[in-house]
Amino acid sequence: MSDAWILATVLALPLVASATLAFAGAQRAAPDLNAGFSFLTLAATLLLAQQTVVHGQAFAFGQLFFVDPLNVFLVALTAFVGWTTAVFSKPYMRTERDRGRMSANRMRLYHAMYQLFVFAMLLALLTNNMGVLWVSMEAATLATVLLVSVYRTAASIEAAWKYFILCGVGIAQALFGTILLYLAASHSLGGGGDALLWTSLNAAKASLDPVIVSLAFVFLLIGYGTKVGLVPMHNWLPDAHAEGPTPISAVLSGLLLNVALYAVLRCKVLADGALQNGLPGRLLVGFGLVSVLVATFSLLRQKDVKRLFSFSSIEHMGMMSFAFGLGGPVATFAGLLHMTTHSLIKSAIFFTVGHAAQKTGTQAIDGIRGLARVSPVVGWGMMLGTLAILGMPPFGVFASEFLILTTAIHALPWAVPLLILALAVAFAVIFRHVQGMAFGGESTARRLEHRPALLPVLIHLAIGLALGLYIPPWLAAWYHAAAAMLAG
């Protein structure tokens, strides 16, 4: 099968799934259909990844779509987390339906928008056109707004509106940045669709007008940085996590933030080539460091477990931005590894948080106690996931954070004490809360109506542990090739 047909299959499967579930999403078999379609998408992405490993970078349908070492591993990661989240979602959403929080129409909306969201993420990763990238990020916003508000409570609707308004303003900034990028390209490449093809822009980046490109990058960074959750554009993220269904919290942290950062990185490559002054890297370092510090100290006043881990996501996205801002092969490799491990571990944590909240009937940290005694896999899964995300060895997050800090010692030594302080505060706050939820006090948990899906938790934690001990040669080759491309 050719690359074009495999790529078309990758994009078509979630789109067909969304249309199918728009009609059948209220049926009792809908969660199984959702998971089944997600598995087929994963299989297609693995085939695409295998083809890319063998044949290298490839285009499809002219030059509208392309795969390279940077996007192909994110495509596979997106499909994998999309599938495991769909598996977790089966008993979770059935329990929500049985408890009256989800009606038949809401279940239909949930399943259809879930697949549409996955389609938008894959489209954003695979498109070669910067305009289509913007459209796909906007489509992802609209799909997740509907998912965040699916409970139709006052709090969920307020969170969805905040998400819509803030990300709408952000995506408008990204649109203006895309227009400026087209303006800069039109002088070198002429008008037409080729002026927005990333590969064409990358080939001609040295001849782009640096003044226009610098303005474009600032707007693109603010616009897509809003979706990344960078401070001060982060206020939508904790509310969206706290009020939407837990599977959506998992894909927001595990997928959306990664794809938005991917968009920023594509723009950074162009800006670095045009400006040759290090400005894009310094901006990413600044936004990243501020995000780490603000998110970490915001943890101190959190009382909702999903909000707690949403601020942890902001902290880790700040750490990735800092790493990519530093640049160089080691820091970029560490940033890519951190993207992978954070996506896996944080989604696993949200899986355990979702089951814990259903078992206890609350998301309040003080209301969740003694999980490990009543449900050992949920309690220990939450604890191990927490230790992993806090950077304890031998998990993969430790390896990536160690590489980031050692690189920063040479490149930006003044920032290292701030990062270590932030990591220490995050460890103390989150560990104290999770220890109480897993082992402290009288248990408040009860049996669920449907057997929880714990296999995704174990799979994610096992991969996160394995990446801390050993990175397979094929994955390391992807990381090195992507790091070389990002370094220009």
Protein backbone atom coordinates (compact mmCIF):
# COMPACT_ATOMS: atom_id res chain seq x y z
CA MET A 1 0.00 0.00 0.00
CA SER A 2 1.37 3.45 -0.91
CA ASP A 3 2.08 6.17 1.63
CA ALA A 4 -0.78 8.25 0.23
CA TRP A 5 -3.36 5.53 0.80
CA ILE A 6 -2.08 4.75 4.28
CA LEU A 7 -2.19 8.44 5.18
CA ALA A 8 -5.69 8.75 3.73
CA THR A 9 -6.77 5.77 5.84
CA VAL A 10 -5.31 7.35 8.98
CA LEU A 11 -7.37 10.50 8.41
CA ALA A 12 -10.50 8.78 7.09
CA LEU A 13 -10.99 6.31 9.94
CA PRO A 14 -11.72 8.85 12.74
CA LEU A 15 -13.82 10.94 10.33
CA VAL A 16 -15.93 7.89 9.39
CA ALA A 17 -16.08 6.95 13.07
CA SER A 18 -17.37 10.41 13.98
CA ALA A 19 -20.12 10.22 11.34
CA THR A 20 -21.07 6.69 12.41
CA LEU A 21 -21.20 7.56 16.10
CA ALA A 22 -23.22 10.69 15.36
CA PHE A 23 -26.03 8.25 14.54
CA ALA A 24 -25.13 5.25 16.72
CA GLY A 25 -23.40 7.00 19.62
CA ALA A 26 -26.34 6.54 21.96
CA GLN A 27 -26.47 2.74 21.54
CA ARG A 28 -25.17 0.49 24.31
CA ALA A 29 -22.46 -0.74 21.93
CA ALA A 30 -21.26 2.80 21.16
CA PRO A 31 -18.33 2.74 23.67
CA ASP A 32 -17.12 -0.48 22.05
CA LEU A 33 -17.47 1.06 18.59
CA ASN A 34 -15.51 4.08 19.77
CA ALA A 35 -12.70 1.87 21.07
CA GLY A 36 -12.80 -0.32 17.95
CA PHE A 37 -12.49 2.59 15.53
CA SER A 38 -9.68 4.01 17.70
CA PHE A 39 -7.80 0.70 17.49
CA LEU A 40 -8.12 0.65 13.69
CA THR A 41 -6.74 4.20 13.58
CA LEU A 42 -3.82 3.12 15.75
CA ALA A 43 -3.10 0.18 13.43
CA ALA A 44 -3.10 2.49 10.41
CA THR A 45 -0.73 4.95 12.10
CA LEU A 46 1.67 2.15 13.02
CA LEU A 47 1.71 1.07 9.39
CA LEU A 48 2.39 4.67 8.37
CA ALA A 49 5.21 4.87 10.90
CA GLN A 50 6.72 1.65 9.59
CA GLN A 51 6.60 2.99 6.02
CA THR A 52 8.26 6.22 7.16
CA VAL A 53 11.05 4.34 8.95
CA VAL A 54 11.75 2.33 5.79
CA HIS A 55 11.36 5.04 3.13
CA GLY A 56 11.94 8.30 5.04
CA GLN A 57 10.06 11.57 4.51
CA ALA A 58 7.17 11.29 2.08
CA PHE A 59 4.46 13.46 0.53
CA ALA A 60 0.87 12.51 -0.25
CA PHE A 61 -1.78 14.05 -2.51
CA GLY A 62 0.67 16.37 -4.15
CA GLN A 63 2.34 18.23 -1.31
CA LEU A 64 -0.76 18.78 0.82
CA PHE A 65 0.26 16.14 3.38
CA PHE A 66 3.64 14.87 4.45
CA VAL A 67 5.31 12.69 7.07
CA ASP A 68 8.76 13.12 8.55
CA PRO A 69 10.55 12.01 11.74
CA LEU A 70 8.98 14.81 13.81
CA ASN A 71 5.33 14.28 13.04
CA VAL A 72 5.25 10.53 12.50
CA PHE A 73 6.10 9.63 16.09
CA LEU A 74 3.53 12.16 17.33
CA VAL A 75 0.93 10.65 14.99
CA ALA A 76 1.56 7.20 16.46
CA LEU A 77 1.53 8.59 20.02
CA THR A 78 -1.73 10.46 19.36
CA ALA A 79 -3.44 7.37 17.99
CA PHE A 80 -2.14 5.21 20.85
CA VAL A 81 -3.36 7.54 23.61
CA GLY A 82 -6.62 8.03 21.69
CA TRP A 83 -7.16 4.26 21.72
CA THR A 84 -6.25 3.66 25.37
CA THR A 85 -8.42 6.60 26.42
CA ALA A 86 -11.32 5.15 24.43
CA VAL A 87 -10.82 1.84 26.26
CA PHE A 88 -10.79 3.65 29.62
CA SER A 89 -13.83 5.62 28.50
CA LYS A 90 -16.03 2.52 28.03
CA PRO A 91 -16.84 1.73 31.68
CA TYR A 92 -16.35 5.34 32.77
CA MET A 93 -19.00 6.80 30.47
CA ARG A 94 -21.37 3.88 31.08
CA THR A 95 -21.17 4.64 34.79
CA GLU A 96 -21.84 8.32 34.11
CA ARG A 97 -24.89 7.33 32.05
CA ASP A 98 -26.22 4.99 34.75
CA ARG A 99 -25.85 7.74 37.35
CA GLY A 100 -27.89 10.14 35.22
CA ARG A 101 -25.11 12.54 34.29
CA MET A 102 -25.25 11.54 30.60
CA SER A 103 -28.39 11.22 28.50
CA ALA A 104 -28.64 9.30 25.21
CA ASN A 105 -28.14 12.47 23.17
CA ARG A 106 -25.14 13.50 25.26
CA MET A 107 -23.58 10.07 24.79
CA ARG A 108 -24.05 10.46 21.04
CA LEU A 109 -22.45 13.91 21.14
CA TYR A 110 -19.58 12.67 23.30
CA HIS A 111 -18.61 9.77 21.05
CA ALA A 112 -18.98 11.71 17.80
CA MET A 113 -16.95 14.67 19.05
CA TYR A 114 -14.30 12.39 20.54
CA GLN A 115 -13.54 10.94 17.11
CA LEU A 116 -13.76 14.36 15.46
CA PHE A 117 -11.22 15.63 17.97
CA VAL A 118 -8.84 12.75 17.10
CA PHE A 119 -9.31 13.54 13.40
CA ALA A 120 -8.46 17.21 13.98
CA MET A 121 -5.30 16.25 15.89
CA LEU A 122 -4.10 13.87 13.18
CA LEU A 123 -4.90 16.43 10.46
CA ALA A 124 -2.88 19.09 12.30
CA LEU A 125 0.08 16.74 12.51
CA LEU A 126 0.01 15.49 8.93
CA THR A 127 -0.84 18.60 6.94
CA ASN A 128 1.91 20.42 5.08
CA ASN A 129 -0.17 23.59 4.78
CA MET A 130 0.09 26.17 7.58
CA GLY A 131 -3.43 27.37 6.81
CA VAL A 132 -4.86 23.86 7.18
CA LEU A 133 -2.88 23.53 10.42
CA TRP A 134 -4.72 26.57 11.73
CA VAL A 135 -8.09 25.22 10.58
CA SER A 136 -7.47 21.86 12.26
CA MET A 137 -6.51 23.51 15.55
CA GLU A 138 -9.73 25.55 15.40
CA ALA A 139 -11.71 22.37 14.69
CA ALA A 140 -10.11 20.74 17.72
CA THR A 141 -11.15 23.74 19.82
CA LEU A 142 -14.77 23.51 18.70
CA ALA A 143 -14.91 19.74 19.30
CA THR A 144 -13.44 19.99 22.78
CA VAL A 145 -15.68 22.91 23.74
CA LEU A 146 -18.65 20.60 23.15
CA LEU A 147 -16.93 17.82 25.10
CA VAL A 148 -16.09 20.03 28.08
CA SER A 149 -19.71 21.23 28.31
CA VAL A 150 -21.31 17.81 27.76
CA TYR A 151 -22.58 17.51 31.36
CA ARG A 152 -24.60 20.72 30.87
CA THR A 153 -24.02 21.89 34.44
CA ALA A 154 -23.52 25.58 35.17
CA ALA A 155 -19.85 24.97 36.00
CA SER A 156 -19.16 22.92 32.84
CA ILE A 157 -20.86 25.49 30.58
CA GLU A 158 -18.89 28.30 32.23
CA ALA A 159 -15.65 26.34 31.76
CA ALA A 160 -16.52 25.67 28.11
CA TRP A 161 -17.24 29.34 27.46
CA LYS A 162 -13.97 30.37 29.11
CA TYR A 163 -12.17 27.79 26.99
CA PHE A 164 -13.94 28.96 23.84
CA ILE A 165 -13.31 32.67 24.42
CA LEU A 166 -9.66 32.41 25.50
CA CYS A 167 -8.69 29.85 22.87
CA GLY A 168 -10.77 31.74 20.29
CA VAL A 169 -8.76 34.88 20.98
CA GLY A 170 -5.58 32.84 20.87
CA ILE A 171 -6.42 31.12 17.61
CA ALA A 172 -7.25 34.54 16.11
CA GLN A 173 -3.70 35.62 16.98
CA ALA A 174 -2.43 32.49 15.26
CA LEU A 175 -4.50 33.34 12.17
CA PHE A 176 -2.94 36.79 12.01
CA GLY A 177 0.49 35.23 12.40
CA THR A 178 -0.28 32.81 9.56
CA ILE A 179 -1.33 35.73 7.34
CA LEU A 180 1.93 37.52 8.14
CA LEU A 181 3.86 34.35 7.34
CA TYR A 182 2.10 34.18 3.97
CA LEU A 183 2.99 37.83 3.37
CA ALA A 184 6.65 37.12 4.08
CA ALA A 185 6.58 34.05 1.83
CA SER A 186 4.85 35.79 -1.05
CA HIS A 187 7.91 38.00 -1.59
CA SER A 188 10.17 34.94 -1.97
CA LEU A 189 7.87 32.23 -3.26
CA GLY A 190 5.22 34.26 -5.02
CA GLY A 191 1.51 33.93 -4.31
CA GLY A 192 -0.60 30.80 -4.37
CA GLY A 193 -0.90 27.75 -2.18
CA ASP A 194 2.82 26.94 -2.23
CA ALA A 195 3.51 30.00 -0.09
CA LEU A 196 1.84 28.28 2.88
CA LEU A 197 3.42 24.84 2.45
CA TRP A 198 5.72 24.24 5.38
CA THR A 199 8.28 22.37 3.29
CA SER A 200 8.43 25.23 0.77
CA LEU A 201 8.75 27.77 3.57
CA ASN A 202 11.46 25.70 5.20
CA ALA A 203 13.45 25.51 1.97
CA ALA A 204 13.22 29.29 1.49
CA LYS A 205 13.38 30.38 5.15
CA ALA A 206 16.73 32.15 4.80
CA SER A 207 15.23 34.52 2.23
CA LEU A 208 12.10 35.42 4.21
CA ASP A 209 11.73 39.01 5.43
CA PRO A 210 13.04 38.89 9.04
CA VAL A 211 10.92 41.81 10.25
CA ILE A 212 7.67 40.26 9.06
CA VAL A 213 8.68 36.79 10.26
CA SER A 214 9.56 38.07 13.73
CA LEU A 215 6.09 39.64 14.03
CA ALA A 216 4.49 36.50 12.63
CA PHE A 217 6.27 34.27 15.16
CA VAL A 218 5.18 36.39 18.10
CA PHE A 219 1.53 36.11 17.05
CA LEU A 220 1.88 32.40 16.28
CA LEU A 221 3.57 31.75 19.63
CA ILE A 222 0.86 33.58 21.55
CA GLY A 223 -1.88 31.96 19.49
CA TYR A 224 -0.75 28.35 19.61
CA GLY A 225 0.83 28.96 23.03
CA THR A 226 -2.68 29.56 24.35
CA LYS A 227 -3.53 26.00 23.33
CA VAL A 228 -0.26 24.76 24.87
CA GLY A 229 -1.32 26.32 28.18
CA LEU A 230 1.65 28.65 28.52
CA VAL A 231 1.35 31.35 31.17
CA PRO A 232 -0.31 33.87 31.04
CA MET A 233 -2.66 32.30 28.43
CA HIS A 234 -3.36 29.25 30.59
CA ASN A 235 -6.51 30.14 32.52
CA TRP A 236 -8.86 28.00 30.41
CA LEU A 237 -6.99 24.77 31.09
CA PRO A 238 -7.70 24.06 34.80
CA ASP A 239 -11.43 24.75 34.40
CA ALA A 240 -11.71 22.63 31.26
CA HIS A 241 -9.99 19.73 33.01
CA ALA A 242 -12.05 20.01 36.16
CA GLU A 243 -15.51 20.28 34.62
CA GLY A 244 -15.36 18.00 31.58
CA PRO A 245 -15.44 14.20 31.57
CA THR A 246 -12.18 12.65 32.75
CA PRO A 247 -11.41 11.00 29.37
CA ILE A 248 -11.36 14.50 27.91
CA SER A 249 -8.92 15.62 30.61
CA ALA A 250 -6.69 12.73 29.54
CA VAL A 251 -6.68 13.65 25.85
CA LEU A 252 -6.36 17.37 26.54
CA SER A 253 -3.17 16.79 28.53
CA GLY A 254 -1.96 13.82 26.52
CA LEU A 255 -2.76 14.98 22.98
CA LEU A 256 -3.95 18.56 22.50
CA LEU A 257 -1.09 20.21 24.37
CA ASN A 258 1.47 18.16 22.42
CA VAL A 259 -0.07 19.01 19.05
CA ALA A 260 -0.24 22.72 19.90
CA LEU A 261 3.42 22.65 20.91
CA TYR A 262 4.19 20.83 17.65
CA ALA A 263 2.62 23.78 15.79
CA VAL A 264 4.83 26.19 17.73
CA LEU A 265 7.92 24.12 16.89
CA ARG A 266 7.11 24.11 13.17
CA CYS A 267 6.87 27.91 13.31
CA LYS A 268 10.09 28.16 15.36
CA VAL A 269 12.06 26.30 12.69
CA LEU A 270 10.97 28.86 10.10
CA ALA A 271 11.63 31.83 12.37
CA ASP A 272 15.09 30.56 13.37
CA GLY A 273 16.06 30.22 9.72
CA ALA A 274 14.79 33.69 8.81
CA LEU A 275 16.02 35.64 11.84
CA GLN A 276 19.33 33.97 12.73
CA ASN A 277 19.35 35.83 16.07
CA GLY A 278 18.04 33.30 18.60
CA LEU A 279 14.91 35.35 19.37
CA PRO A 280 12.42 32.45 18.97
CA GLY A 281 14.45 30.31 21.37
CA ARG A 282 14.66 33.08 23.96
CA LEU A 283 10.91 33.65 23.78
CA LEU A 284 10.25 29.94 24.33
CA VAL A 285 12.70 29.87 27.24
CA GLY A 286 10.99 32.87 28.83
CA PHE A 287 7.44 31.60 28.42
CA GLY A 288 8.51 28.13 29.50
CA LEU A 289 10.28 29.24 32.67
CA VAL A 290 7.44 31.54 33.73
CA SER A 291 4.93 28.74 33.07
CA VAL A 292 6.90 26.29 35.23
CA LEU A 293 7.12 28.72 38.14
CA VAL A 294 3.53 30.02 38.04
CA ALA A 295 2.03 26.55 37.61
CA THR A 296 4.13 25.08 40.41
CA PHE A 297 3.18 27.68 42.99
CA SER A 298 -0.45 27.53 41.85
CA LEU A 299 -0.44 23.91 43.04
CA LEU A 300 -0.33 25.13 46.63
CA ARG A 301 -3.95 26.32 46.63
CA GLN A 302 -5.66 23.53 44.70
CA LYS A 303 -8.42 21.50 46.36
CA ASP A 304 -9.76 19.68 43.28
CA VAL A 305 -7.69 16.70 42.14
CA LYS A 306 -8.25 17.32 38.43
CA ARG A 307 -7.28 20.97 38.78
CA LEU A 308 -4.18 19.84 40.69
CA PHE A 309 -2.98 17.69 37.82
CA SER A 310 -4.01 20.26 35.21
CA PHE A 311 -1.56 22.73 36.75
CA SER A 312 1.00 19.92 36.67
CA SER A 313 0.36 19.71 32.91
CA ILE A 314 1.04 23.45 32.57
CA GLU A 315 4.28 22.98 34.50
CA HIS A 316 5.43 20.17 32.22
CA MET A 317 4.50 22.02 29.03
CA GLY A 318 6.58 24.89 30.37
CA MET A 319 9.47 22.49 30.90
CA MET A 320 9.19 21.25 27.31
CA SER A 321 9.03 24.80 25.96
CA PHE A 322 12.11 25.67 27.99
CA ALA A 323 13.96 22.65 26.54
CA PHE A 324 13.03 23.46 22.94
CA GLY A 325 13.96 27.08 23.56
CA LEU A 326 17.43 26.03 24.70
CA GLY A 327 17.85 24.20 21.40
CA GLY A 328 20.76 21.97 20.55
CA PRO A 329 20.66 18.21 20.05
CA VAL A 330 20.55 17.17 23.73
CA ALA A 331 17.90 19.62 24.94
CA THR A 332 15.73 18.99 21.87
CA PHE A 333 16.07 15.21 22.32
CA ALA A 334 15.07 15.68 25.97
CA GLY A 335 12.07 17.80 24.97
CA LEU A 336 10.83 15.12 22.57
CA LEU A 337 11.30 12.40 25.20
CA HIS A 338 9.45 14.56 27.72
CA MET A 339 6.56 15.02 25.27
CA THR A 340 6.26 11.24 25.02
CA THR A 341 6.55 10.36 28.68
CA HIS A 342 4.34 13.20 29.89
CA SER A 343 1.61 12.24 27.43
CA LEU A 344 1.63 8.63 28.61
CA ILE A 345 2.03 9.20 32.34
CA LYS A 346 -0.35 12.13 32.70
CA SER A 347 -3.13 10.37 30.82
CA ALA A 348 -2.60 7.32 33.06
CA ILE A 349 -2.93 9.56 36.11
CA PHE A 350 -6.19 10.97 34.81
CA PHE A 351 -7.45 7.41 34.24
CA THR A 352 -6.90 6.65 37.93
CA VAL A 353 -8.32 10.03 38.97
CA GLY A 354 -11.48 9.36 36.95
CA HIS A 355 -12.08 5.99 38.60
CA ALA A 356 -11.24 7.45 42.03
CA ALA A 357 -13.71 10.31 41.57
CA GLN A 358 -16.44 7.89 40.53
CA LYS A 359 -15.72 5.57 43.45
CA THR A 360 -15.86 8.37 46.02
CA GLY A 361 -18.41 10.63 44.31
CA THR A 362 -16.18 13.69 44.55
CA GLN A 363 -13.19 15.38 42.93
CA ALA A 364 -12.25 17.16 46.19
CA ILE A 365 -8.81 16.03 47.33
CA ASP A 366 -9.92 15.85 50.97
CA GLY A 367 -12.88 13.66 50.00
CA ILE A 368 -10.77 10.92 48.39
CA ARG A 369 -9.14 8.65 50.96
CA GLY A 370 -7.83 5.11 51.31
CA LEU A 371 -7.97 4.14 47.64
CA ALA A 372 -5.20 1.56 47.87
CA ARG A 373 -7.07 -0.44 50.51
CA VAL A 374 -10.34 -0.65 48.57
CA SER A 375 -9.01 -0.63 44.99
CA PRO A 376 -5.26 -1.44 45.03
CA VAL A 377 -4.72 -0.98 41.29
CA VAL A 378 -6.37 2.45 41.27
CA GLY A 379 -4.59 3.58 44.45
CA TRP A 380 -1.17 2.24 43.56
CA GLY A 381 -1.61 3.30 39.94
CA MET A 382 -2.23 6.87 41.06
CA MET A 383 0.76 6.77 43.40
CA LEU A 384 3.15 5.25 40.83
CA GLY A 385 1.90 7.64 38.15
CA THR A 386 2.48 10.54 40.53
CA LEU A 387 6.02 9.41 41.34
CA ALA A 388 6.65 9.04 37.60
CA ILE A 389 5.33 12.49 36.67
CA LEU A 390 7.29 14.06 39.55
CA GLY A 391 10.50 12.80 37.98
CA MET A 392 11.43 9.92 40.26
CA PRO A 393 13.91 7.45 38.77
CA PRO A 394 13.85 5.15 36.90
CA PHE A 395 10.79 6.53 35.03
CA GLY A 396 11.25 8.31 31.70
CA VAL A 397 10.34 11.75 33.08
CA PHE A 398 13.44 11.59 35.30
CA ALA A 399 15.64 10.95 32.25
CA SER A 400 14.20 13.84 30.24
CA GLU A 401 14.27 16.30 33.15
CA PHE A 402 17.84 15.29 33.99
CA LEU A 403 18.91 15.98 30.41
CA ILE A 404 17.10 19.35 30.42
CA LEU A 405 18.72 20.44 33.69
CA THR A 406 22.23 19.33 32.71
CA THR A 407 21.93 21.17 29.41
CA ALA A 408 20.65 24.28 31.20
CA ILE A 409 23.67 24.21 33.54
CA HIS A 410 25.87 24.98 30.54
CA ALA A 411 23.50 27.17 28.52
CA LEU A 412 21.52 29.11 31.18
CA PRO A 413 23.00 28.41 34.64
CA TRP A 414 20.93 31.14 36.31
CA ALA A 415 17.70 29.31 35.42
CA VAL A 416 18.70 25.99 37.01
CA PRO A 417 18.04 27.00 40.67
CA LEU A 418 14.59 28.26 39.67
CA LEU A 419 13.77 25.00 37.90
CA ILE A 420 15.03 22.90 40.83
CA LEU A 421 12.98 24.99 43.26
CA ALA A 422 9.87 24.54 41.11
CA LEU A 423 10.41 20.78 40.83
CA ALA A 424 10.93 20.48 44.59
CA VAL A 425 7.75 22.43 45.40
CA ALA A 426 5.74 20.40 42.89
CA PHE A 427 7.05 17.16 44.39
CA ALA A 428 6.21 18.18 47.95
CA VAL A 429 2.69 19.43 47.17
CA ILE A 430 1.52 16.72 44.79
CA PHE A 431 3.08 13.84 46.74
CA ARG A 432 1.47 14.99 49.98
CA HIS A 433 -1.97 15.15 48.38
CA VAL A 434 -1.70 11.84 46.54
CA GLN A 435 -0.31 10.01 49.57
CA GLY A 436 -3.43 11.00 51.51
CA MET A 437 -5.74 9.99 48.67
CA ALA A 438 -4.07 6.60 48.22
CA PHE A 439 -3.28 5.58 51.80
CA GLY A 440 -4.71 8.06 54.29
CA GLY A 441 -7.80 7.99 56.50
CA GLU A 442 -11.03 6.06 56.34
CA SER A 443 -11.83 4.86 52.84
CA THR A 444 -14.66 6.69 51.10
CA ALA A 445 -14.63 4.52 47.96
CA ARG A 446 -17.46 2.27 46.82
CA ARG A 447 -17.94 -0.36 44.15
CA LEU A 448 -18.59 0.96 40.64
CA GLU A 449 -21.52 -0.06 38.47
CA HIS A 450 -19.09 -1.20 35.77
CA ARG A 451 -15.70 -2.84 36.19
CA PRO A 452 -13.06 -0.12 35.69
CA ALA A 453 -10.65 -0.34 32.77
CA LEU A 454 -7.29 -0.57 34.48
CA LEU A 455 -5.24 -2.11 31.65
CA PRO A 456 -4.58 1.31 30.02
CA VAL A 457 -3.14 2.54 33.33
CA LEU A 458 -0.75 -0.40 33.55
CA ILE A 459 0.27 -0.14 29.88
CA HIS A 460 1.05 3.59 30.12
CA LEU A 461 3.02 3.23 33.35
CA ALA A 462 4.95 0.26 31.97
CA ILE A 463 5.98 2.19 28.84
CA GLY A 464 6.87 5.25 30.95
CA LEU A 465 9.09 3.02 33.11
CA ALA A 466 10.64 1.29 30.10
CA LEU A 467 11.58 4.62 28.48
CA GLY A 468 13.49 5.53 31.63
CA LEU A 469 15.52 2.33 31.41
CA TYR A 470 15.92 1.80 27.67
CA ILE A 471 15.00 3.73 24.54
CA PRO A 472 14.62 1.39 21.53
CA PRO A 473 17.01 2.21 18.67
CA TRP A 474 14.18 2.98 16.24
CA LEU A 475 12.65 5.47 18.69
CA ALA A 476 16.03 7.03 19.43
CA ALA A 477 16.58 7.37 15.67
CA TRP A 478 13.26 9.23 15.37
CA TYR A 479 14.22 11.55 18.21
CA HIS A 480 17.69 12.25 16.77
CA ALA A 481 16.30 12.91 13.29
CA ALA A 482 13.57 15.18 14.66
CA ALA A 483 16.09 17.00 16.88
CA ALA A 484 18.36 17.58 13.88
CA MET A 485 15.44 19.00 11.89
CA LEU A 486 14.35 21.30 14.72
CA ALA A 487 17.91 22.53 15.11
CA GLY A 488 17.85 23.56 11.44
